Protein backbone atom coordinates (compact mmCIF):
# COMPACT_ATOMS: atom_id res chain seq x y z
CA MET A 1 24.31 35.59 13.74
CA ILE A 2 20.57 35.93 13.81
CA GLY A 3 20.86 39.39 12.21
CA LEU A 4 22.96 37.98 9.36
CA THR A 5 20.41 35.22 8.77
CA ARG A 6 17.58 37.71 8.68
CA ASN A 7 19.48 39.87 6.20
CA ALA A 8 20.15 36.83 3.99
CA VAL A 9 16.49 35.84 4.03
CA ALA A 10 15.49 39.40 3.14
CA LEU A 11 17.91 39.42 0.23
CA VAL A 12 16.55 36.10 -1.04
CA LEU A 13 12.97 37.34 -0.78
CA LEU A 14 13.88 40.58 -2.53
CA GLY A 15 15.58 38.69 -5.35
CA THR A 16 12.64 36.31 -5.73
CA THR A 17 10.21 39.23 -5.85
CA SER A 18 12.29 40.93 -8.53
CA LEU A 19 12.42 37.74 -10.60
CA LEU A 20 8.64 37.28 -10.33
CA ALA A 21 8.03 40.90 -11.29
CA GLY A 22 10.33 40.56 -14.27
CA ALA A 23 8.58 37.36 -15.40
CA ALA A 24 5.19 39.01 -15.07
CA ALA A 25 6.40 42.00 -17.07
CA ALA A 26 7.76 39.68 -19.75
CA GLN A 27 4.40 37.90 -20.01
CA GLU A 28 2.36 41.10 -20.10
CA PRO A 29 0.86 41.54 -23.60
CA VAL A 30 2.05 44.43 -25.73
CA TRP A 31 -0.87 46.56 -26.90
CA HIS A 32 -0.41 48.20 -30.28
CA GLU A 33 -2.14 51.32 -31.50
CA PRO A 34 -5.56 50.48 -33.01
CA SER A 35 -5.73 50.30 -36.79
CA LEU A 36 -7.60 53.17 -38.40
CA GLY A 37 -8.47 51.18 -41.51
CA ASP A 38 -6.06 53.02 -43.82
CA GLN A 39 -4.85 49.85 -45.56
CA LEU A 40 -5.73 49.86 -49.27
CA LEU A 41 -8.07 46.98 -50.17
CA TRP A 42 -10.21 46.11 -53.19
CA PHE A 43 -13.05 43.78 -54.17
CA VAL A 44 -14.94 42.98 -57.42
CA LEU A 45 -18.26 41.11 -57.61
CA PHE A 46 -19.98 39.83 -60.76
CA ASP A 47 -23.29 39.42 -58.96
CA GLU A 48 -25.10 38.64 -62.22
CA PHE A 49 -23.60 37.68 -65.56
CA GLU A 50 -26.30 35.85 -67.44
CA TYR A 51 -28.18 34.89 -70.58
CA SER A 52 -31.93 35.45 -70.42
CA SER A 53 -34.68 34.17 -72.70
CA SER A 54 -38.30 35.35 -72.82
CA ASN A 55 -41.13 36.00 -75.26
CA ASN A 56 -39.56 39.43 -75.88
CA GLY A 57 -36.22 38.01 -77.04
CA GLN A 58 -32.84 36.90 -75.76
CA ASP A 59 -30.46 39.15 -73.83
CA LEU A 60 -27.07 39.14 -72.22
CA ALA A 61 -27.31 40.94 -68.86
CA TRP A 62 -24.89 41.91 -66.12
CA ASP A 63 -24.76 43.48 -62.66
CA VAL A 64 -21.17 44.14 -61.58
CA GLU A 65 -19.73 46.23 -58.75
CA GLY A 66 -16.37 46.79 -57.15
CA TRP A 67 -14.67 49.00 -54.61
CA MET A 68 -11.22 50.18 -53.56
CA GLY A 69 -10.27 51.77 -50.25
CA GLY A 70 -10.15 51.03 -46.54
CA ASN A 71 -12.61 50.12 -43.80
CA PHE A 72 -14.12 53.62 -43.60
CA ASN A 73 -13.66 55.30 -46.98
CA ARG A 74 -14.08 53.66 -50.38
CA VAL A 75 -14.56 54.43 -54.05
CA TRP A 76 -17.24 52.29 -55.71
CA LEU A 77 -17.86 51.53 -59.39
CA LYS A 78 -21.15 49.87 -60.36
CA THR A 79 -22.58 48.92 -63.72
CA GLU A 80 -25.65 47.02 -64.85
CA GLY A 81 -27.46 46.59 -68.13
CA HIS A 82 -28.50 44.29 -70.92
CA SER A 83 -27.81 43.81 -74.61
CA ALA A 84 -29.83 41.87 -77.16
CA THR A 85 -28.08 38.88 -78.64
CA SER A 86 -29.28 40.00 -82.07
CA GLY A 87 -29.63 43.60 -83.19
CA ALA A 88 -28.52 46.80 -81.48
CA ASP A 89 -31.08 46.92 -78.67
CA GLY A 90 -29.89 47.40 -75.10
CA ALA A 91 -29.27 49.80 -72.25
CA PHE A 92 -26.78 50.19 -69.43
CA GLU A 93 -25.78 52.44 -66.55
CA VAL A 94 -22.51 53.18 -64.75
CA GLN A 95 -22.14 54.69 -61.27
CA ALA A 96 -19.03 56.19 -59.68
CA LEU A 97 -19.49 56.76 -55.93
CA TYR A 98 -17.63 57.88 -52.84
CA SER A 99 -18.62 55.78 -49.84
CA ARG A 100 -18.24 56.42 -46.10
CA LEU A 101 -18.95 53.94 -43.29
CA ILE A 102 -21.54 55.62 -41.02
CA ALA A 103 -22.64 52.63 -38.89
CA PRO A 104 -21.75 48.97 -38.53
CA PHE A 105 -22.52 47.29 -41.91
CA TRP A 106 -23.88 50.53 -43.46
CA GLU A 107 -22.26 52.90 -45.96
CA LEU A 108 -23.46 56.32 -47.16
CA GLN A 109 -22.72 56.75 -50.87
CA ALA A 110 -22.75 59.78 -53.16
CA GLY A 111 -21.59 60.35 -56.71
CA VAL A 112 -22.74 60.30 -60.32
CA ARG A 113 -24.62 57.92 -62.59
CA TYR A 114 -24.51 57.76 -66.39
CA ASP A 115 -27.29 56.10 -68.43
CA ARG A 116 -27.14 55.04 -72.06
CA ASP A 117 -30.07 53.68 -74.06
CA VAL A 118 -28.59 52.09 -77.15
CA SER A 119 -32.00 51.41 -78.66
CA LEU A 120 -32.98 55.11 -78.61
CA SER A 121 -29.42 56.49 -79.04
CA GLN A 122 -29.70 58.77 -76.02
CA SER A 123 -27.93 59.28 -72.70
CA ARG A 124 -28.24 61.29 -69.50
CA ALA A 125 -26.44 61.86 -66.20
CA HIS A 126 -27.63 61.87 -62.57
CA ALA A 127 -26.41 62.88 -59.15
CA VAL A 128 -26.70 59.96 -56.71
CA VAL A 129 -27.18 59.69 -52.94
CA GLY A 130 -27.85 56.32 -51.35
CA LEU A 131 -27.16 53.70 -48.71
CA GLN A 132 -25.75 50.21 -48.97
CA GLY A 133 -25.63 47.73 -46.17
CA LEU A 134 -26.73 44.65 -44.31
CA ALA A 135 -30.03 44.76 -42.43
CA PRO A 136 -31.07 42.36 -39.63
CA TYR A 137 -31.62 38.76 -40.74
CA TRP A 138 -28.92 39.20 -43.43
CA PHE A 139 -30.94 41.21 -45.94
CA GLU A 140 -28.68 43.15 -48.30
CA LEU A 141 -30.36 46.50 -49.04
CA GLU A 142 -29.47 49.28 -51.46
CA PRO A 143 -31.86 52.28 -51.55
CA ALA A 144 -30.82 55.29 -53.64
CA ILE A 145 -32.14 58.66 -54.88
CA PHE A 146 -31.25 60.13 -58.29
CA LEU A 147 -31.49 63.66 -59.69
CA SER A 148 -31.01 63.89 -63.46
CA GLU A 149 -29.30 66.72 -65.31
CA ASP A 150 -32.79 67.93 -66.33
CA GLY A 151 -34.01 68.03 -62.72
CA ASP A 152 -36.01 64.79 -62.79
CA LEU A 153 -36.13 63.06 -59.41
CA SER A 154 -36.28 59.28 -59.12
CA ALA A 155 -35.53 56.54 -56.62
CA ARG A 156 -34.63 52.86 -56.54
CA PHE A 157 -34.83 50.15 -53.92
CA LYS A 158 -32.93 46.86 -54.22
CA GLY A 159 -32.93 44.05 -51.73
CA SER A 160 -31.71 40.45 -51.71
CA ARG A 161 -30.90 37.62 -49.34
CA ASP A 162 -28.87 34.41 -49.60
CA LEU A 163 -30.70 31.31 -48.34
CA LEU A 164 -28.56 28.23 -47.77
CA VAL A 165 -30.18 25.07 -49.11
CA THR A 166 -26.95 23.15 -48.47
CA GLN A 167 -23.40 24.32 -47.79
CA ARG A 168 -22.89 24.79 -51.54
CA LEU A 169 -26.41 25.26 -52.92
CA VAL A 170 -27.69 28.83 -52.39
CA LEU A 171 -31.08 30.32 -53.27
CA GLN A 172 -31.00 34.09 -53.82
CA PRO A 173 -34.30 36.00 -54.14
CA GLU A 174 -33.94 39.62 -55.26
CA LEU A 175 -36.42 42.50 -55.43
CA GLU A 176 -35.97 45.79 -57.28
CA ALA A 177 -38.46 48.66 -57.53
CA ASN A 178 -38.09 52.00 -59.33
CA PHE A 179 -40.02 55.21 -58.66
CA ALA A 180 -40.21 58.59 -60.44
CA ALA A 181 -41.49 61.96 -59.26
CA SER A 182 -42.40 63.12 -62.79
CA THR A 183 -43.03 61.74 -66.28
CA VAL A 184 -40.14 61.66 -68.74
CA GLU A 185 -41.64 60.49 -72.03
CA ASP A 186 -38.32 60.39 -73.91
CA TRP A 187 -37.18 57.65 -71.53
CA GLY A 188 -40.55 55.91 -71.29
CA VAL A 189 -40.86 56.74 -67.59
CA GLY A 190 -44.12 57.74 -65.92
CA SER A 191 -44.60 59.28 -62.50
CA GLY A 192 -45.18 57.04 -59.48
CA LEU A 193 -44.17 53.41 -59.32
CA VAL A 194 -42.29 52.82 -62.59
CA ASP A 195 -41.63 49.08 -62.49
CA MET A 196 -40.86 46.18 -60.21
CA SER A 197 -38.83 43.05 -60.79
CA LEU A 198 -38.59 39.90 -58.73
CA GLY A 199 -35.89 37.37 -59.47
CA VAL A 200 -34.90 34.03 -57.96
CA ARG A 201 -31.52 32.44 -58.70
CA LEU A 202 -30.29 29.06 -57.52
CA ARG A 203 -26.51 28.76 -57.63
CA TYR A 204 -24.05 25.99 -56.87
CA GLU A 205 -20.75 27.11 -55.37
CA PHE A 206 -18.04 24.81 -56.68
CA ARG A 207 -15.84 27.36 -54.92
CA ARG A 208 -16.97 30.37 -52.91
CA GLU A 209 -15.49 32.59 -55.61
CA ILE A 210 -17.40 31.14 -58.56
CA ALA A 211 -20.89 29.67 -58.87
CA PRO A 212 -23.05 28.92 -61.94
CA TYR A 213 -26.79 29.43 -61.49
CA LEU A 214 -30.24 28.98 -62.99
CA GLY A 215 -33.09 31.36 -62.35
CA VAL A 216 -36.25 33.16 -63.37
CA ASN A 217 -37.05 36.88 -63.35
CA TRP A 218 -40.43 38.60 -63.50
CA LEU A 219 -40.77 42.27 -64.55
CA GLN A 220 -43.92 44.41 -64.42
CA LYS A 221 -44.41 48.06 -65.41
CA PHE A 222 -47.08 50.11 -63.67
CA GLY A 223 -49.26 53.20 -64.07
CA ALA A 224 -48.14 55.90 -66.48
CA THR A 225 -45.04 53.91 -67.40
CA ALA A 226 -47.21 51.01 -68.54
CA ASP A 227 -49.36 53.43 -70.58
CA LEU A 228 -46.26 54.79 -72.34
CA ALA A 229 -45.11 51.24 -73.09
CA ARG A 230 -48.48 50.32 -74.60
CA ALA A 231 -48.44 53.46 -76.75
CA ARG A 232 -45.08 52.35 -78.16
CA GLN A 233 -46.34 48.78 -78.57
CA LEU A 234 -43.85 47.51 -76.01
CA ALA A 235 -44.40 44.76 -73.45
CA VAL A 236 -45.76 45.77 -70.05
CA ALA A 237 -44.82 42.50 -68.34
CA ASP A 238 -42.10 39.96 -68.99
CA THR A 239 -40.94 36.66 -67.53
CA ALA A 240 -37.43 35.51 -68.42
CA PHE A 241 -35.53 32.32 -67.72
CA LEU A 242 -31.89 32.77 -66.76
CA VAL A 243 -28.61 30.90 -66.85
CA GLY A 244 -25.41 32.56 -65.69
CA VAL A 245 -22.46 32.64 -63.35
CA ARG A 246 -21.67 34.60 -60.18
CA ALA A 247 -18.03 35.32 -59.34
CA TRP A 248 -15.94 37.51 -57.07
CA PHE A 249 -12.28 38.22 -56.47
């Protein structure tokens, strides 16, 4: 009788253990294979779309970029330029780039750039190598090196940062500097530091996707570039007041 009782207890314990093991297995999370970032995504940003007014005239200007791809590999299109509101003066550039994520928040980019100066009725192409990413303290940086079809080497540095005044009011300072290794008179470019611009834009985000802004932008040419501008009776410095809209989707 004692043996039968012991056997019954053992069977009960065995059944309970099996039930607990099954419950634990049922609650154990299922781990899926990690995503390799091969989902096709896209993004377009009208960082600047604005009307500017200065002593040198009135312009419509833009700085637009967009990409398509995944988390590691992307194709970028970028364009920026300006066009006079009266007359045929203006200039623009377009870049088509392949981009590869090489570190958290940093992409290595390479491709081509096409320039068109409407005022002088001339154009040229460049090879491009650069970086784009987010530095500590939320500075957005974009350094790049260009080699023109004629072998002229140049470089550009762009940096900006969003400063929250309120949850909807954002102040965005932006710095851009251009450098050239040699003088290219046809394009009004001298060797060394070519020019530098500093802009400040204050935008109000009615929605995160769209925000009108007011701003001011200061531009200064330096060295041999300034000498070429003076020889052509062009302005060496300019301060423009801006009104525009920033949007993304």
